């Protein structure tokens, strides 16, 4: 069900972040809007997302791509049944993902998502 888990980094200067991750680690730019998405050319599931200041509220610590929009709905239903705290509602975003945010027991905000096909 899970196709990838990617961390989020803060990025007050996206150009500097791009130069750092591309120049030092050889990552390639996979996305530039609404966030900077970088991935390994050899392993495209190895990714990091750089969030510009104020891009997300609340800001997630990491994202879990569950593969299909129906799996996002299933995870949302499971979280709701368990009484977990959703901090960003189930939403189809204009950039092509279905997602919601919830908090884990440690208070970390988790972005649960899948690309819309």
PDB file of N, CA and C in Angstrom:
ATOM      1  N   UNK A   1       0.820  -1.192   0.000  1.00  0.00           N
ATOM      2  CA  UNK A   1       0.000   0.000   0.000  1.00  0.00           C
ATOM      3  C   UNK A   1       0.863   1.255   0.000  1.00  0.00           C
ATOM      4  N   UNK A   2       1.954   1.295   0.750  1.00  0.00           N
ATOM      5  CA  UNK A   2       2.792   2.494   0.810  1.00  0.00           C
ATOM      6  C   UNK A   2       3.825   2.435  -0.305  1.00  0.00           C
ATOM      7  N   UNK A   3       3.846   3.486  -1.131  1.00  0.00           N
ATOM      8  CA  UNK A   3       4.805   3.507  -2.237  1.00  0.00           C
ATOM      9  C   UNK A   3       6.080   4.264  -1.889  1.00  0.00           C
ATOM     10  N   UNK A   4       6.015   5.169  -0.898  1.00  0.00           N
ATOM     11  CA  UNK A   4       7.210   5.895  -0.473  1.00  0.00           C
ATOM     12  C   UNK A   4       6.896   6.689   0.781  1.00  0.00           C
ATOM     13  N   UNK A   5       7.924   6.985   1.525  1.00  0.00           N
ATOM     14  CA  UNK A   5       7.839   7.888   2.670  1.00  0.00           C
ATOM     15  C   UNK A   5       8.934   8.923   2.456  1.00  0.00           C
ATOM     16  N   UNK A   6       8.559  10.190   2.479  1.00  0.00           N
ATOM     17  CA  UNK A   6       9.553  11.224   2.222  1.00  0.00           C
ATOM     18  C   UNK A   6       9.556  12.269   3.325  1.00  0.00           C
ATOM     19  N   UNK A   7      10.776  12.676   3.731  1.00  0.00           N
ATOM     20  CA  UNK A   7      10.901  13.709   4.767  1.00  0.00           C
ATOM     21  C   UNK A   7      10.691  15.095   4.173  1.00  0.00           C
ATOM     22  N   UNK A   8      10.346  16.025   5.045  1.00  0.00           N
ATOM     23  CA  UNK A   8      10.210  17.426   4.678  1.00  0.00           C
ATOM     24  C   UNK A   8      11.310  18.225   5.359  1.00  0.00           C
ATOM     25  N   UNK A   9      11.919  19.124   4.606  1.00  0.00           N
ATOM     26  CA  UNK A   9      12.921  20.032   5.137  1.00  0.00           C
ATOM     27  C   UNK A   9      12.390  21.455   4.999  1.00  0.00           C
ATOM     28  N   UNK A  10      12.785  22.318   5.901  1.00  0.00           N
ATOM     29  CA  UNK A  10      12.416  23.727   5.796  1.00  0.00           C
ATOM     30  C   UNK A  10      13.343  24.397   4.793  1.00  0.00           C
ATOM     31  N   UNK A  11      12.807  25.362   4.058  1.00  0.00           N
ATOM     32  CA  UNK A  11      13.631  26.043   3.067  1.00  0.00           C
ATOM     33  C   UNK A  11      13.300  27.504   2.925  1.00  0.00           C
ATOM     34  N   UNK A  12      13.976  28.343   3.676  1.00  0.00           N
ATOM     35  CA  UNK A  12      13.721  29.779   3.555  1.00  0.00           C
ATOM     36  C   UNK A  12      14.278  30.330   2.246  1.00  0.00           C
ATOM     37  N   UNK A  13      15.232  29.618   1.637  1.00  0.00           N
ATOM     38  CA  UNK A  13      15.817  30.011   0.345  1.00  0.00           C
ATOM     39  C   UNK A  13      15.827  28.770  -0.549  1.00  0.00           C
ATOM     40  N   UNK A  14      14.788  28.630  -1.368  1.00  0.00           N
ATOM     41  CA  UNK A  14      14.656  27.419  -2.189  1.00  0.00           C
ATOM     42  C   UNK A  14      15.783  27.267  -3.202  1.00  0.00           C
ATOM     43  N   UNK A  15      16.264  28.364  -3.736  1.00  0.00           N
ATOM     44  CA  UNK A  15      17.380  28.284  -4.688  1.00  0.00           C
ATOM     45  C   UNK A  15      18.626  27.724  -4.005  1.00  0.00           C
ATOM     46  N   UNK A  16      18.905  28.199  -2.798  1.00  0.00           N
ATOM     47  CA  UNK A  16      20.059  27.683  -2.053  1.00  0.00           C
ATOM     48  C   UNK A  16      19.861  26.207  -1.702  1.00  0.00           C
ATOM     49  N   UNK A  17      18.638  25.830  -1.341  1.00  0.00           N
ATOM     50  CA  UNK A  17      18.354  24.420  -1.057  1.00  0.00           C
ATOM     51  C   UNK A  17      18.538  23.565  -2.299  1.00  0.00           C
ATOM     52  N   UNK A  18      18.056  24.053  -3.441  1.00  0.00           N
ATOM     53  CA  UNK A  18      18.226  23.324  -4.711  1.00  0.00           C
ATOM     54  C   UNK A  18      19.710  23.118  -4.996  1.00  0.00           C
ATOM     55  N   UNK A  19      20.480  24.186  -4.900  1.00  0.00           N
ATOM     56  CA  UNK A  19      21.915  24.094  -5.168  1.00  0.00           C
ATOM     57  C   UNK A  19      22.605  23.121  -4.210  1.00  0.00           C
ATOM     58  N   UNK A  20      22.213  23.143  -2.950  1.00  0.00           N
ATOM     59  CA  UNK A  20      22.806  22.263  -1.950  1.00  0.00           C
ATOM     60  C   UNK A  20      22.539  20.797  -2.280  1.00  0.00           C
ATOM     61  N   UNK A  21      21.280  20.426  -2.432  1.00  0.00           N
ATOM     62  CA  UNK A  21      20.926  19.015  -2.630  1.00  0.00           C
ATOM     63  C   UNK A  21      21.335  18.487  -4.000  1.00  0.00           C
ATOM     64  N   UNK A  22      21.292  19.332  -5.010  1.00  0.00           N
ATOM     65  CA  UNK A  22      21.734  18.910  -6.348  1.00  0.00           C
ATOM     66  C   UNK A  22      23.258  18.859  -6.395  1.00  0.00           C
ATOM     67  N   UNK A  23      23.902  19.916  -5.913  1.00  0.00           N
ATOM     68  CA  UNK A  23      25.357  20.014  -5.989  1.00  0.00           C
ATOM     69  C   UNK A  23      26.099  19.035  -5.103  1.00  0.00           C
ATOM     70  N   UNK A  24      25.631  18.846  -3.883  1.00  0.00           N
ATOM     71  CA  UNK A  24      26.329  17.983  -2.933  1.00  0.00           C
ATOM     72  C   UNK A  24      25.960  16.515  -3.114  1.00  0.00           C
ATOM     73  N   UNK A  25      24.676  16.228  -3.339  1.00  0.00           N
ATOM     74  CA  UNK A  25      24.218  14.837  -3.359  1.00  0.00           C
ATOM     75  C   UNK A  25      23.824  14.320  -4.741  1.00  0.00           C
ATOM     76  N   UNK A  26      23.792  15.202  -5.734  1.00  0.00           N
ATOM     77  CA  UNK A  26      23.435  14.769  -7.081  1.00  0.00           C
ATOM     78  C   UNK A  26      21.961  14.468  -7.278  1.00  0.00           C
ATOM     79  N   UNK A  27      21.105  14.997  -6.373  1.00  0.00           N
ATOM     80  CA  UNK A  27      19.670  14.791  -6.554  1.00  0.00           C
ATOM     81  C   UNK A  27      19.193  15.587  -7.758  1.00  0.00           C
ATOM     82  N   UNK A  28      18.077  15.169  -8.320  1.00  0.00           N
ATOM     83  CA  UNK A  28      17.493  15.905  -9.439  1.00  0.00           C
ATOM     84  C   UNK A  28      16.176  16.524  -9.000  1.00  0.00           C
ATOM     85  N   UNK A  29      15.844  17.644  -9.628  1.00  0.00           N
ATOM     86  CA  UNK A  29      14.603  18.345  -9.313  1.00  0.00           C
ATOM     87  C   UNK A  29      13.454  17.601  -9.973  1.00  0.00           C
ATOM     88  N   UNK A  30      12.473  17.193  -9.165  1.00  0.00           N
ATOM     89  CA  UNK A  30      11.291  16.489  -9.664  1.00  0.00           C
ATOM     90  C   UNK A  30      10.070  17.401  -9.685  1.00  0.00           C
ATOM     91  N   UNK A  31      10.088  18.457  -8.861  1.00  0.00           N
ATOM     92  CA  UNK A  31       8.944  19.350  -8.745  1.00  0.00           C
ATOM     93  C   UNK A  31       9.441  20.676  -8.191  1.00  0.00           C
ATOM     94  N   UNK A  32       8.832  21.765  -8.652  1.00  0.00           N
ATOM     95  CA  UNK A  32       9.206  23.078  -8.130  1.00  0.00           C
ATOM     96  C   UNK A  32       8.021  23.886  -7.629  1.00  0.00           C
ATOM     97  N   UNK A  33       6.820  23.372  -7.805  1.00  0.00           N
ATOM     98  CA  UNK A  33       5.642  24.115  -7.383  1.00  0.00           C
ATOM     99  C   UNK A  33       4.574  23.140  -6.933  1.00  0.00           C
ATOM    100  N   UNK A  34       4.044  23.219  -5.753  1.00  0.00           N
ATOM    101  CA  UNK A  34       4.150  24.306  -4.789  1.00  0.00           C
ATOM    102  C   UNK A  34       5.332  24.164  -3.827  1.00  0.00           C
ATOM    103  N   UNK A  35       6.069  23.049  -3.924  1.00  0.00           N
ATOM    104  CA  UNK A  35       7.240  22.814  -3.073  1.00  0.00           C
ATOM    105  C   UNK A  35       8.392  22.379  -3.966  1.00  0.00           C
ATOM    106  N   UNK A  36       9.591  22.356  -3.406  1.00  0.00           N
ATOM    107  CA  UNK A  36      10.749  21.844  -4.131  1.00  0.00           C
ATOM    108  C   UNK A  36      10.867  20.357  -3.829  1.00  0.00           C
ATOM    109  N   UNK A  37      10.658  19.529  -4.831  1.00  0.00           N
ATOM    110  CA  UNK A  37      10.777  18.087  -4.677  1.00  0.00           C
ATOM    111  C   UNK A  37      12.051  17.607  -5.351  1.00  0.00           C
ATOM    112  N   UNK A  38      12.859  16.871  -4.628  1.00  0.00           N
ATOM    113  CA  UNK A  38      14.134  16.368  -5.143  1.00  0.00           C
ATOM    114  C   UNK A  38      14.153  14.850  -4.998  1.00  0.00           C
ATOM    115  N   UNK A  39      14.806  14.159  -5.943  1.00  0.00           N
ATOM    116  CA  UNK A  39      14.882  12.702  -5.884  1.00  0.00           C
ATOM    117  C   UNK A  39      16.213  12.211  -6.407  1.00  0.00           C
ATOM    118  N   UNK A  40      16.526  11.003  -6.034  1.00  0.00           N
ATOM    119  CA  UNK A  40      17.738  10.360  -6.516  1.00  0.00           C
ATOM    120  C   UNK A  40      17.514   9.865  -7.935  1.00  0.00           C
ATOM    121  N   UNK A  41      18.427  10.157  -8.861  1.00  0.00           N
ATOM    122  CA  UNK A  41      18.274   9.638 -10.221  1.00  0.00           C
ATOM    123  C   UNK A  41      18.318   8.101 -10.264  1.00  0.00           C
ATOM    124  N   UNK A  42      19.059   7.490  -9.360  1.00  0.00           N
ATOM    125  CA  UNK A  42      19.200   6.034  -9.354  1.00  0.00           C
ATOM    126  C   UNK A  42      18.059   5.333  -8.616  1.00  0.00           C
ATOM    127  N   UNK A  43      17.401   6.047  -7.703  1.00  0.00           N
ATOM    128  CA  UNK A  43      16.320   5.470  -6.913  1.00  0.00           C
ATOM    129  C   UNK A  43      15.258   6.540  -6.725  1.00  0.00           C
ATOM    130  N   UNK A  44      14.320   6.662  -7.679  1.00  0.00           N
ATOM    131  CA  UNK A  44      13.359   7.764  -7.639  1.00  0.00           C
ATOM    132  C   UNK A  44      12.455   7.797  -6.415  1.00  0.00           C
ATOM    133  N   UNK A  45      12.397   6.711  -5.639  1.00  0.00           N
ATOM    134  CA  UNK A  45      11.598   6.761  -4.415  1.00  0.00           C
ATOM    135  C   UNK A  45      12.367   7.382  -3.255  1.00  0.00           C
ATOM    136  N   UNK A  46      13.677   7.599  -3.418  1.00  0.00           N
ATOM    137  CA  UNK A  46      14.472   8.303  -2.408  1.00  0.00           C
ATOM    138  C   UNK A  46      14.312   9.795  -2.676  1.00  0.00           C
ATOM    139  N   UNK A  47      13.533  10.451  -1.839  1.00  0.00           N
ATOM    140  CA  UNK A  47      13.146  11.833  -2.096  1.00  0.00           C
ATOM    141  C   UNK A  47      13.234  12.673  -0.837  1.00  0.00           C
ATOM    142  N   UNK A  48      13.291  13.972  -1.054  1.00  0.00           N
ATOM    143  CA  UNK A  48      13.151  14.957   0.013  1.00  0.00           C
ATOM    144  C   UNK A  48      12.301  16.091  -0.547  1.00  0.00           C
ATOM    145  N   UNK A  49      11.429  16.618   0.275  1.00  0.00           N
ATOM    146  CA  UNK A  49      10.582  17.741  -0.105  1.00  0.00           C
ATOM    147  C   UNK A  49      11.024  18.940   0.730  1.00  0.00           C
ATOM    148  N   UNK A  50      11.322  20.053   0.070  1.00  0.00           N
ATOM    149  CA  UNK A  50      11.714  21.280   0.762  1.00  0.00           C
ATOM    150  C   UNK A  50      10.519  22.223   0.734  1.00  0.00           C
ATOM    151  N   UNK A  51      10.048  22.557   1.918  1.00  0.00           N
ATOM    152  CA  UNK A  51       8.885  23.434   2.056  1.00  0.00           C
ATOM    153  C   UNK A  51       9.327  24.881   2.210  1.00  0.00           C
ATOM    154  N   UNK A  52       8.836  25.787   1.360  1.00  0.00           N
ATOM    155  CA  UNK A  52       9.125  27.195   1.579  1.00  0.00           C
ATOM    156  C   UNK A  52       8.460  27.660   2.874  1.00  0.00           C
ATOM    157  N   UNK A  53       9.026  28.682   3.479  1.00  0.00           N
ATOM    158  CA  UNK A  53       8.444  29.227   4.703  1.00  0.00           C
ATOM    159  C   UNK A  53       6.965  29.520   4.498  1.00  0.00           C
ATOM    160  N   UNK A  54       6.138  29.033   5.423  1.00  0.00           N
ATOM    161  CA  UNK A  54       4.706  29.311   5.392  1.00  0.00           C
ATOM    162  C   UNK A  54       3.922  28.516   4.366  1.00  0.00           C
ATOM    163  N   UNK A  55       4.542  27.549   3.700  1.00  0.00           N
ATOM    164  CA  UNK A  55       3.856  26.803   2.639  1.00  0.00           C
ATOM    165  C   UNK A  55       2.739  25.919   3.172  1.00  0.00           C
ATOM    166  N   UNK A  56       2.929  25.346   4.308  1.00  0.00           N
ATOM    167  CA  UNK A  56       1.937  24.445   4.895  1.00  0.00           C
ATOM    168  C   UNK A  56       1.633  24.892   6.314  1.00  0.00           C
ATOM    169  N   UNK A  57       0.380  24.801   6.678  1.00  0.00           N
ATOM    170  CA  UNK A  57       0.001  25.117   8.039  1.00  0.00           C
ATOM    171  C   UNK A  57      -1.055  24.122   8.494  1.00  0.00           C
ATOM    172  N   UNK A  58      -0.688  23.250   9.393  1.00  0.00           N
ATOM    173  CA  UNK A  58       0.615  23.082  10.025  1.00  0.00           C
ATOM    174  C   UNK A  58       1.599  22.406   9.083  1.00  0.00           C
ATOM    175  N   UNK A  59       2.874  22.576   9.346  1.00  0.00           N
ATOM    176  CA  UNK A  59       3.912  21.986   8.493  1.00  0.00           C
ATOM    177  C   UNK A  59       4.111  20.513   8.852  1.00  0.00           C
ATOM    178  N   UNK A  60       3.989  19.606   7.873  1.00  0.00           N
ATOM    179  CA  UNK A  60       4.220  18.191   8.165  1.00  0.00           C
ATOM    180  C   UNK A  60       5.703  17.889   8.351  1.00  0.00           C
ATOM    181  N   UNK A  61       5.998  16.835   9.095  1.00  0.00           N
ATOM    182  CA  UNK A  61       7.379  16.371   9.287  1.00  0.00           C
ATOM    183  C   UNK A  61       7.780  15.424   8.172  1.00  0.00           C
ATOM    184  N   UNK A  62       6.805  14.647   7.668  1.00  0.00           N
ATOM    185  CA  UNK A  62       7.067  13.730   6.571  1.00  0.00           C
ATOM    186  C   UNK A  62       5.750  13.384   5.898  1.00  0.00           C
ATOM    187  N   UNK A  63       5.859  12.788   4.711  1.00  0.00           N
ATOM    188  CA  UNK A  63       4.691  12.367   3.961  1.00  0.00           C
ATOM    189  C   UNK A  63       4.725  10.870   3.726  1.00  0.00           C
ATOM    190  N   UNK A  64       3.552  10.263   3.753  1.00  0.00           N
ATOM    191  CA  UNK A  64       3.411   8.845   3.424  1.00  0.00           C
ATOM    192  C   UNK A  64       2.520   8.764   2.203  1.00  0.00           C
ATOM    193  N   UNK A  65       3.111   8.322   1.084  1.00  0.00           N
ATOM    194  CA  UNK A  65       2.368   8.142  -0.167  1.00  0.00           C
ATOM    195  C   UNK A  65       1.780   6.741  -0.139  1.00  0.00           C
ATOM    196  N   UNK A  66       0.466   6.663  -0.062  1.00  0.00           N
ATOM    197  CA  UNK A  66      -0.212   5.372   0.036  1.00  0.00           C
ATOM    198  C   UNK A  66      -0.611   4.805  -1.322  1.00  0.00           C
ATOM    199  N   UNK A  67      -0.181   5.464  -2.405  1.00  0.00           N
ATOM    200  CA  UNK A  67      -0.295   4.893  -3.741  1.00  0.00           C
ATOM    201  C   UNK A  67      -1.527   5.244  -4.545  1.00  0.00           C
ATOM    202  N   UNK A  68      -2.696   5.177  -3.945  1.00  0.00           N
ATOM    203  CA  UNK A  68      -3.950   5.411  -4.665  1.00  0.00           C
ATOM    204  C   UNK A  68      -4.860   6.325  -3.851  1.00  0.00           C
ATOM    205  N   UNK A  69      -5.645   7.179  -4.523  1.00  0.00           N
ATOM    206  CA  UNK A  69      -6.573   8.043  -3.781  1.00  0.00           C
ATOM    207  C   UNK A  69      -7.528   7.261  -2.875  1.00  0.00           C
ATOM    208  N   UNK A  70      -7.961   6.084  -3.299  1.00  0.00           N
ATOM    209  CA  UNK A  70      -8.850   5.280  -2.449  1.00  0.00           C
ATOM    210  C   UNK A  70      -8.153   4.868  -1.153  1.00  0.00           C
ATOM    211  N   UNK A  71      -6.843   4.675  -1.203  1.00  0.00           N
ATOM    212  CA  UNK A  71      -6.094   4.326   0.003  1.00  0.00           C
ATOM    213  C   UNK A  71      -5.997   5.522   0.951  1.00  0.00           C
ATOM    214  N   UNK A  72      -5.966   6.738   0.404  1.00  0.00           N
ATOM    215  CA  UNK A  72      -6.013   7.936   1.253  1.00  0.00           C
ATOM    216  C   UNK A  72      -7.347   7.954   2.001  1.00  0.00           C
ATOM    217  N   UNK A  73      -8.420   7.691   1.272  1.00  0.00           N
ATOM    218  CA  UNK A  73      -9.744   7.652   1.898  1.00  0.00           C
ATOM    219  C   UNK A  73      -9.809   6.580   2.982  1.00  0.00           C
ATOM    220  N   UNK A  74      -9.226   5.413   2.711  1.00  0.00           N
ATOM    221  CA  UNK A  74      -9.232   4.320   3.686  1.00  0.00           C
ATOM    222  C   UNK A  74      -8.424   4.694   4.929  1.00  0.00           C
ATOM    223  N   UNK A  75      -7.267   5.334   4.740  1.00  0.00           N
ATOM    224  CA  UNK A  75      -6.455   5.766   5.882  1.00  0.00           C
ATOM    225  C   UNK A  75      -7.192   6.833   6.685  1.00  0.00           C
ATOM    226  N   UNK A  76      -7.864   7.741   5.988  1.00  0.00           N
ATOM    227  CA  UNK A  76      -8.631   8.782   6.664  1.00  0.00           C
ATOM    228  C   UNK A  76      -9.754   8.155   7.490  1.00  0.00           C
ATOM    229  N   UNK A  77     -10.457   7.188   6.916  1.00  0.00           N
ATOM    230  CA  UNK A  77     -11.532   6.505   7.635  1.00  0.00           C
ATOM    231  C   UNK A  77     -10.980   5.774   8.862  1.00  0.00           C
ATOM    232  N   UNK A  78      -9.832   5.110   8.716  1.00  0.00           N
ATOM    233  CA  UNK A  78      -9.222   4.389   9.839  1.00  0.00           C
ATOM    234  C   UNK A  78      -8.818   5.364  10.939  1.00  0.00           C
ATOM    235  N   UNK A  79      -8.238   6.503  10.556  1.00  0.00           N
ATOM    236  CA  UNK A  79      -7.838   7.504  11.545  1.00  0.00           C
ATOM    237  C   UNK A  79      -9.064   8.062  12.269  1.00  0.00           C
ATOM    238  N   UNK A  80     -10.131   8.311  11.526  1.00  0.00           N
ATOM    239  CA  UNK A  80     -11.362   8.842  12.112  1.00  0.00           C
ATOM    240  C   UNK A  80     -11.969   7.840  13.090  1.00  0.00           C
ATOM    241  N   UNK A  81     -12.011   6.563  12.702  1.00  0.00           N
ATOM    242  CA  UNK A  81     -12.536   5.514  13.593  1.00  0.00           C
ATOM    243  C   UNK A  81     -11.750   5.439  14.900  1.00  0.00           C
ATOM    244  N   UNK A  82     -10.463   5.699  14.820  1.00  0.00           N
ATOM    245  CA  UNK A  82      -9.604   5.625  16.011  1.00  0.00           C
ATOM    246  C   UNK A  82      -9.610   6.925  16.817  1.00  0.00           C
ATOM    247  N   UNK A  83     -10.322   7.928  16.329  1.00  0.00           N
ATOM    248  CA  UNK A  83     -10.398   9.195  17.045  1.00  0.00           C
ATOM    249  C   UNK A  83      -9.129  10.020  16.962  1.00  0.00           C
ATOM    250  N   UNK A  84      -8.313   9.775  15.932  1.00  0.00           N
ATOM    251  CA  UNK A  84      -7.067  10.521  15.786  1.00  0.00           C
ATOM    252  C   UNK A  84      -7.347  11.938  15.302  1.00  0.00           C
ATOM    253  N   UNK A  85      -6.433  12.822  15.605  1.00  0.00           N
ATOM    254  CA  UNK A  85      -6.603  14.245  15.292  1.00  0.00           C
ATOM    255  C   UNK A  85      -6.173  14.546  13.863  1.00  0.00           C
ATOM    256  N   UNK A  86      -7.124  14.931  13.026  1.00  0.00           N
ATOM    257  CA  UNK A  86      -6.844  15.394  11.674  1.00  0.00           C
ATOM    258  C   UNK A  86      -6.636  16.900  11.741  1.00  0.00           C
ATOM    259  N   UNK A  87      -5.494  17.368  11.207  1.00  0.00           N
ATOM    260  CA  UNK A  87      -5.174  18.792  11.307  1.00  0.00           C
ATOM    261  C   UNK A  87      -5.211  19.503   9.957  1.00  0.00           C
ATOM    262  N   UNK A  88      -5.482  18.750   8.893  1.00  0.00           N
ATOM    263  CA  UNK A  88      -5.725  19.311   7.562  1.00  0.00           C
ATOM    264  C   UNK A  88      -6.725  18.368   6.912  1.00  0.00           C
ATOM    265  N   UNK A  89      -7.838  18.889   6.410  1.00  0.00           N
ATOM    266  CA  UNK A  89      -8.918  18.013   5.951  1.00  0.00           C
ATOM    267  C   UNK A  89      -8.579  17.244   4.669  1.00  0.00           C
ATOM    268  N   UNK A  90      -9.316  16.199   4.448  1.00  0.00           N
ATOM    269  CA  UNK A  90      -9.219  15.415   3.221  1.00  0.00           C
ATOM    270  C   UNK A  90      -9.501  16.344   2.038  1.00  0.00           C
ATOM    271  N   UNK A  91      -8.519  16.476   1.137  1.00  0.00           N
ATOM    272  CA  UNK A  91      -8.584  17.486   0.076  1.00  0.00           C
ATOM    273  C   UNK A  91      -7.956  16.964  -1.207  1.00  0.00           C
ATOM    274  N   UNK A  92      -8.583  17.271  -2.348  1.00  0.00           N
ATOM    275  CA  UNK A  92      -7.958  17.082  -3.667  1.00  0.00           C
ATOM    276  C   UNK A  92      -7.296  18.406  -4.021  1.00  0.00           C
ATOM    277  N   UNK A  93      -5.967  18.411  -4.074  1.00  0.00           N
ATOM    278  CA  UNK A  93      -5.216  19.644  -4.315  1.00  0.00           C
ATOM    279  C   UNK A  93      -5.114  19.937  -5.808  1.00  0.00           C
ATOM    280  N   UNK A  94      -5.027  21.224  -6.176  1.00  0.00           N
ATOM    281  CA  UNK A  94      -4.946  21.586  -7.589  1.00  0.00           C
ATOM    282  C   UNK A  94      -3.692  21.063  -8.287  1.00  0.00           C
ATOM    283  N   UNK A  95      -2.651  20.706  -7.537  1.00  0.00           N
ATOM    284  CA  UNK A  95      -1.429  20.193  -8.157  1.00  0.00           C
ATOM    285  C   UNK A  95      -1.453  18.675  -8.319  1.00  0.00           C
ATOM    286  N   UNK A  96      -2.615  18.041  -8.022  1.00  0.00           N
ATOM    287  CA  UNK A  96      -2.783  16.650  -8.380  1.00  0.00           C
ATOM    288  C   UNK A  96      -2.563  15.602  -7.312  1.00  0.00           C
ATOM    289  N   UNK A  97      -2.787  15.954  -6.051  1.00  0.00           N
ATOM    290  CA  UNK A  97      -2.729  14.939  -4.997  1.00  0.00           C
ATOM    291  C   UNK A  97      -3.992  15.006  -4.143  1.00  0.00           C
ATOM    292  N   UNK A  98      -4.377  13.864  -3.616  1.00  0.00           N
ATOM    293  CA  UNK A  98      -5.426  13.775  -2.595  1.00  0.00           C
ATOM    294  C   UNK A  98      -4.682  13.538  -1.293  1.00  0.00           C
ATOM    295  N   UNK A  99      -5.052  14.281  -0.238  1.00  0.00           N
ATOM    296  CA  UNK A  99      -4.294  14.171   1.002  1.00  0.00           C
ATOM    297  C   UNK A  99      -5.084  14.666   2.195  1.00  0.00           C
ATOM    298  N   UNK A 100      -4.548  14.340   3.359  1.00  0.00           N
ATOM    299  CA  UNK A 100      -4.965  14.922   4.626  1.00  0.00           C
ATOM    300  C   UNK A 100      -3.772  14.840   5.564  1.00  0.00           C
ATOM    301  N   UNK A 101      -3.796  15.637   6.630  1.00  0.00           N
ATOM    302  CA  UNK A 101      -2.741  15.603   7.636  1.00  0.00           C
ATOM    303  C   UNK A 101      -3.360  15.128   8.950  1.00  0.00           C
ATOM    304  N   UNK A 102      -2.584  14.327   9.680  1.00  0.00           N
ATOM    305  CA  UNK A 102      -2.970  13.962  11.023  1.00  0.00           C
ATOM    306  C   UNK A 102      -1.742  13.988  11.905  1.00  0.00           C
ATOM    307  N   UNK A 103      -1.967  13.937  13.202  1.00  0.00           N
ATOM    308  CA  UNK A 103      -0.834  13.913  14.128  1.00  0.00           C
ATOM    309  C   UNK A 103      -0.649  12.499  14.662  1.00  0.00           C
ATOM    310  N   UNK A 104       0.613  12.111  14.802  1.00  0.00           N
ATOM    311  CA  UNK A 104       0.924  10.814  15.392  1.00  0.00           C
ATOM    312  C   UNK A 104       0.984  10.973  16.913  1.00  0.00           C
ATOM    313  N   UNK A 105       1.171   9.883  17.666  1.00  0.00           N
ATOM    314  CA  UNK A 105       1.180   9.996  19.128  1.00  0.00           C
ATOM    315  C   UNK A 105       2.252  10.925  19.688  1.00  0.00           C
ATOM    316  N   UNK A 106       3.325  11.163  18.935  1.00  0.00           N
ATOM    317  CA  UNK A 106       4.376  12.075  19.386  1.00  0.00           C
ATOM    318  C   UNK A 106       4.130  13.523  19.008  1.00  0.00           C
ATOM    319  N   UNK A 107       3.004  13.793  18.341  1.00  0.00           N
ATOM    320  CA  UNK A 107       2.680  15.156  17.927  1.00  0.00           C
ATOM    321  C   UNK A 107       3.214  15.542  16.563  1.00  0.00           C
ATOM    322  N   UNK A 108       3.843  14.594  15.846  1.00  0.00           N
ATOM    323  CA  UNK A 108       4.345  14.880  14.497  1.00  0.00           C
ATOM    324  C   UNK A 108       3.186  14.948  13.515  1.00  0.00           C
ATOM    325  N   UNK A 109       3.219  15.944  12.649  1.00  0.00           N
ATOM    326  CA  UNK A 109       2.203  16.069  11.610  1.00  0.00           C
ATOM    327  C   UNK A 109       2.634  15.213  10.417  1.00  0.00           C
ATOM    328  N   UNK A 110       1.723  14.330   9.986  1.00  0.00           N
ATOM    329  CA  UNK A 110       1.976  13.398   8.888  1.00  0.00           C
ATOM    330  C   UNK A 110       1.052  13.749   7.722  1.00  0.00           C
ATOM    331  N   UNK A 111       1.626  13.918   6.539  1.00  0.00           N
ATOM    332  CA  UNK A 111       0.881  14.152   5.314  1.00  0.00           C
ATOM    333  C   UNK A 111       0.622  12.792   4.675  1.00  0.00           C
ATOM    334  N   UNK A 112      -0.638  12.370   4.612  1.00  0.00           N
ATOM    335  CA  UNK A 112      -1.016  11.113   3.971  1.00  0.00           C
ATOM    336  C   UNK A 112      -1.554  11.469   2.598  1.00  0.00           C
ATOM    337  N   UNK A 113      -0.940  10.917   1.534  1.00  0.00           N
ATOM    338  CA  UNK A 113      -1.260  11.390   0.192  1.00  0.00           C
ATOM    339  C   UNK A 113      -1.189  10.295  -0.860  1.00  0.00           C
ATOM    340  N   UNK A 114      -1.769  10.600  -2.011  1.00  0.00           N
ATOM    341  CA  UNK A 114      -1.623   9.811  -3.229  1.00  0.00           C
ATOM    342  C   UNK A 114      -1.860  10.751  -4.403  1.00  0.00           C
ATOM    343  N   UNK A 115      -1.176  10.466  -5.491  1.00  0.00           N
ATOM    344  CA  UNK A 115      -1.382  11.266  -6.696  1.00  0.00           C
ATOM    345  C   UNK A 115      -2.699  10.898  -7.349  1.00  0.00           C
ATOM    346  N   UNK A 116      -3.404  11.907  -7.808  1.00  0.00           N
ATOM    347  CA  UNK A 116      -4.628  11.685  -8.574  1.00  0.00           C
ATOM    348  C   UNK A 116      -4.230  11.273  -9.972  1.00  0.00           C
ATOM    349  N   UNK A 117      -4.862  10.310 -10.517  1.00  0.00           N
ATOM    350  CA  UNK A 117      -4.495   9.836 -11.856  1.00  0.00           C
ATOM    351  C   UNK A 117      -5.345  10.458 -12.914  1.00  0.00           C
TER     352      UNK A 117
END
